Protein backbone atom coordinates (compact mmCIF):
# COMPACT_ATOMS: atom_id res chain seq x y z
CA UNK A 1 22.77 18.62 9.46
CA UNK A 2 19.31 17.11 9.93
CA UNK A 3 18.09 16.40 13.43
CA UNK A 4 16.65 12.92 13.87
CA UNK A 5 14.06 12.20 16.52
CA UNK A 6 12.92 8.77 17.56
CA UNK A 7 9.14 8.45 17.54
CA UNK A 8 7.30 6.27 19.98
CA UNK A 9 4.47 3.99 18.84
CA UNK A 10 1.27 6.00 18.72
CA UNK A 11 3.07 9.36 18.64
CA UNK A 12 1.99 11.97 16.14
CA UNK A 13 4.27 12.37 13.16
CA UNK A 14 6.14 15.68 13.03
CA UNK A 15 5.18 18.14 10.32
CA UNK A 16 7.22 17.68 7.15
CA UNK A 17 7.54 18.86 3.56
CA UNK A 18 9.51 16.56 1.28
CA UNK A 19 9.83 16.00 -2.48
CA UNK A 20 8.21 12.88 -3.91
CA UNK A 21 9.72 10.69 -6.64
CA UNK A 22 8.53 13.18 -9.30
CA UNK A 23 9.85 16.24 -7.43
CA UNK A 24 6.43 17.41 -6.18
CA UNK A 25 6.31 18.68 -2.60
CA UNK A 26 4.33 16.48 -0.22
CA UNK A 27 3.53 17.56 3.32
CA UNK A 28 1.88 15.93 6.28
CA UNK A 29 -0.67 18.75 6.20
CA UNK A 30 -1.86 17.45 2.79
CA UNK A 31 -3.34 14.48 4.67
CA UNK A 32 -4.98 16.31 7.56
CA UNK A 33 -8.18 14.55 8.59
CA UNK A 34 -7.26 11.39 6.65
CA UNK A 35 -5.68 8.09 7.59
CA UNK A 36 -2.06 7.89 6.55
CA UNK A 37 0.38 5.00 6.72
CA UNK A 38 3.85 6.51 6.84
CA UNK A 39 6.79 4.13 6.67
CA UNK A 40 10.50 4.76 6.50
CA UNK A 41 13.19 2.80 4.70
CA UNK A 42 16.93 3.40 4.42
CA UNK A 43 17.61 3.27 0.67
CA UNK A 44 15.79 2.82 -2.65
CA UNK A 45 16.29 -0.28 -4.78
CA UNK A 46 17.73 -2.58 -2.14
CA UNK A 47 16.39 -6.07 -1.53
CA UNK A 48 15.19 -5.36 2.02
CA UNK A 49 13.48 -2.12 1.10
CA UNK A 50 11.91 -3.67 -1.99
CA UNK A 51 10.51 -6.49 0.17
CA UNK A 52 9.07 -3.94 2.59
CA UNK A 53 7.47 -1.94 -0.22
CA UNK A 54 5.99 -5.12 -1.75
CA UNK A 55 4.47 -5.98 1.64
CA UNK A 56 2.84 -2.56 1.85
CA UNK A 57 1.63 -2.85 -1.77
CA UNK A 58 0.05 -6.21 -0.91
CA UNK A 59 -1.85 -4.51 1.90
CA UNK A 60 -3.17 -1.69 -0.31
CA UNK A 61 -6.64 -3.27 -0.64
CA UNK A 62 -7.02 -3.18 3.16
CA UNK A 63 -5.69 0.36 3.36
CA UNK A 64 -8.05 1.32 0.54
CA UNK A 65 -11.05 0.00 2.48
CA UNK A 66 -9.89 2.18 5.38
CA UNK A 67 -9.44 5.10 2.94
CA UNK A 68 -5.80 5.35 4.04
CA UNK A 69 -2.98 6.62 1.87
CA UNK A 70 0.48 5.02 2.07
CA UNK A 71 3.74 6.96 1.85
CA UNK A 72 7.24 5.52 1.99
CA UNK A 73 10.06 7.88 2.99
CA UNK A 74 13.74 7.35 2.19
CA UNK A 75 16.69 9.69 2.70
CA UNK A 76 17.72 9.18 -0.92
């Protein structure tokens, strides 16, 4: 069973290692010293989650100017 912790706004993200869509391991430590936008969504390929991802994709030029990477995390 996975323990879930609620994060408060401005809190540091807990360390993690998770597989990406291609099966490569991604960890928070990979982004040390960089700006990272980390967002969570409940399930792939649903209308709400797709809308959220499209919103983040639309903001990529701004995140790029800030030299920030964007990662979406889903339990599936």
